[in-house]
Amino acid sequence: MLAGLVRCRRCGRKLTVRYTGTKHNIPRYSCWRGLLDNGEPRCIAFGALRVDDVIEEALLRVVEPGAMAAAVEAEAQAASRRDQVRDALMRDREAARYNADRAFRQYDAIDPQNRLVAAELELRWNRAL
């Protein structure tokens, strides 16, 4: 959490994160820039797990009240958008049903002997379906 944000007290360079352990999954903050850039001795190194836990708790205490309100507001907005999309889809479905029913009524109302009109209305009905 603090990589690039915290500086070494001795040399002033930014601390980097190094991963140790048998699976390389344990973070440690260390000041290696002096060694890497100028061959100077390493300044400091310390485990990151406890430090990150403390920083996380402090950050959550500060952010939590606003985060809850923001989460509630975000859920309300998402629900509103879902309702709007559902309503629009229902209107589209009703319009499609009306168009298909109208095309069927037009096709059903023609004289069966008039094949030219029947063929055109049948095409419109199929497109509406």
Protein backbone atom coordinates (compact mmCIF):
# COMPACT_ATOMS: atom_id res chain seq x y z
CA MET A 1 0.00 0.00 0.00
CA LEU A 2 2.80 2.41 0.77
CA ALA A 3 5.21 1.65 -2.06
CA GLY A 4 6.28 4.89 -3.69
CA LEU A 5 4.52 6.95 -0.99
CA VAL A 6 6.86 6.52 1.97
CA ARG A 7 10.44 7.77 1.92
CA CYS A 8 13.48 6.54 3.76
CA ARG A 9 14.33 8.70 6.78
CA ARG A 10 18.06 8.26 6.23
CA CYS A 11 18.48 9.01 2.51
CA GLY A 12 15.08 10.40 1.45
CA ARG A 13 14.55 7.93 -1.38
CA LYS A 14 11.21 6.21 -1.96
CA LEU A 15 10.80 2.77 -0.44
CA THR A 16 10.23 -0.16 -2.75
CA VAL A 17 8.43 -3.45 -2.19
CA ARG A 18 10.30 -6.73 -2.32
CA TYR A 19 8.61 -10.10 -1.94
CA THR A 20 10.22 -12.75 0.22
CA GLY A 21 9.32 -16.16 1.56
CA THR A 22 9.37 -19.56 -0.06
CA LYS A 23 6.51 -18.62 -2.37
CA HIS A 24 7.59 -14.98 -2.78
CA ASN A 25 4.28 -13.79 -1.32
CA ILE A 26 5.43 -11.88 1.79
CA PRO A 27 5.98 -8.18 1.08
CA ARG A 28 8.79 -6.13 2.68
CA TYR A 29 9.42 -2.42 2.33
CA SER A 30 13.05 -1.59 1.73
CA CYS A 31 15.33 1.19 0.64
CA TRP A 32 17.43 -0.25 -2.17
CA ARG A 33 17.76 2.73 -4.50
CA GLY A 34 21.02 3.91 -2.94
CA LEU A 35 22.52 0.47 -3.40
CA LEU A 36 21.22 0.08 -6.94
CA ASP A 37 22.04 3.60 -8.12
CA ASN A 38 25.25 4.47 -6.29
CA GLY A 39 26.51 1.31 -4.58
CA GLU A 40 25.71 2.75 -1.14
CA PRO A 41 24.79 0.42 1.73
CA ARG A 42 21.13 -0.49 2.17
CA CYS A 43 19.27 1.86 4.51
CA ILE A 44 16.28 0.06 6.01
CA ALA A 45 13.94 -2.84 5.41
CA PHE A 46 10.87 -3.98 7.34
CA GLY A 47 7.92 -6.31 6.93
CA ALA A 48 4.89 -4.86 5.18
CA LEU A 49 2.10 -7.10 6.48
CA ARG A 50 1.57 -5.43 9.87
CA VAL A 51 2.15 -1.94 8.53
CA ASP A 52 -0.33 -2.47 5.69
CA ASP A 53 -2.91 -3.87 8.14
CA VAL A 54 -2.64 -0.80 10.38
CA ILE A 55 -2.83 1.59 7.41
CA GLU A 56 -5.82 -0.32 6.02
CA GLU A 57 -7.72 -0.11 9.32
CA ALA A 58 -7.04 3.62 9.67
CA LEU A 59 -8.05 4.27 6.08
CA LEU A 60 -11.29 2.30 6.45
CA ARG A 61 -12.18 4.18 9.66
CA VAL A 62 -11.87 7.46 7.79
CA VAL A 63 -13.59 6.35 4.58
CA GLU A 64 -16.29 4.04 5.99
CA PRO A 65 -19.13 6.55 6.68
CA GLY A 66 -18.88 8.08 3.24
CA ALA A 67 -18.35 4.69 1.61
CA MET A 68 -21.60 3.35 3.00
CA ALA A 69 -23.56 6.35 1.71
CA ALA A 70 -21.82 6.09 -1.66
CA ALA A 71 -22.60 2.36 -1.90
CA VAL A 72 -26.28 2.96 -1.09
CA GLU A 73 -26.48 5.75 -3.68
CA ALA A 74 -24.71 3.62 -6.31
CA GLU A 75 -27.15 0.75 -5.72
CA ALA A 76 -30.11 3.12 -6.03
CA GLN A 77 -28.76 4.48 -9.31
CA ALA A 78 -28.12 0.97 -10.65
CA ALA A 79 -31.65 -0.10 -9.71
CA SER A 80 -33.06 2.97 -11.43
CA ARG A 81 -31.09 2.21 -14.61
CA ARG A 82 -32.26 -1.43 -14.53
CA ASP A 83 -35.87 -0.27 -14.17
CA GLN A 84 -35.50 2.16 -17.07
CA VAL A 85 -33.98 -0.53 -19.31
CA ARG A 86 -36.69 -3.03 -18.34
CA ASP A 87 -39.44 -0.47 -19.04
CA ALA A 88 -37.93 0.39 -22.42
CA LEU A 89 -37.69 -3.29 -23.35
CA MET A 90 -41.29 -3.88 -22.32
CA ARG A 91 -42.41 -0.92 -24.47
CA ASP A 92 -40.43 -2.30 -27.41
CA ARG A 93 -41.98 -5.73 -26.90
CA GLU A 94 -45.51 -4.28 -26.79
CA ALA A 95 -44.83 -2.26 -29.95
CA ALA A 96 -43.56 -5.37 -31.73
CA ARG A 97 -46.62 -7.36 -30.65
CA TYR A 98 -48.92 -4.57 -31.85
CA ASN A 99 -47.15 -4.43 -35.23
CA ALA A 100 -47.37 -8.20 -35.66
CA ASP A 101 -51.07 -8.25 -34.67
CA ARG A 102 -51.81 -5.34 -37.01
CA ALA A 103 -50.04 -7.09 -39.88
CA PHE A 104 -52.03 -10.27 -39.18
CA ARG A 105 -55.34 -8.35 -39.10
CA GLN A 106 -54.50 -6.71 -42.43
CA TYR A 107 -53.57 -10.05 -43.95
CA ASP A 108 -56.67 -11.72 -42.52
CA ALA A 109 -58.97 -8.97 -43.84
CA ILE A 110 -57.98 -9.23 -47.52
CA ASP A 111 -59.85 -11.13 -50.17
CA PRO A 112 -58.06 -14.51 -50.63
CA GLN A 113 -58.53 -14.19 -54.39
CA ASN A 114 -56.38 -11.06 -54.52
CA ARG A 115 -53.01 -12.89 -54.38
CA LEU A 116 -50.87 -9.81 -55.18
CA VAL A 117 -52.11 -7.93 -52.12
CA ALA A 118 -52.09 -11.12 -50.05
CA ALA A 119 -48.44 -11.79 -50.91
CA GLU A 120 -47.39 -8.24 -49.95
CA LEU A 121 -49.32 -8.34 -46.69
CA GLU A 122 -47.91 -11.77 -45.91
CA LEU A 123 -44.37 -10.37 -46.34
CA ARG A 124 -45.18 -7.47 -43.99
CA TRP A 125 -46.65 -9.86 -41.45
CA ASN A 126 -43.54 -12.08 -41.55
CA ARG A 127 -41.26 -9.05 -41.13
CA ALA A 128 -43.32 -7.90 -38.15
CA LEU A 129 -43.02 -11.34 -36.54
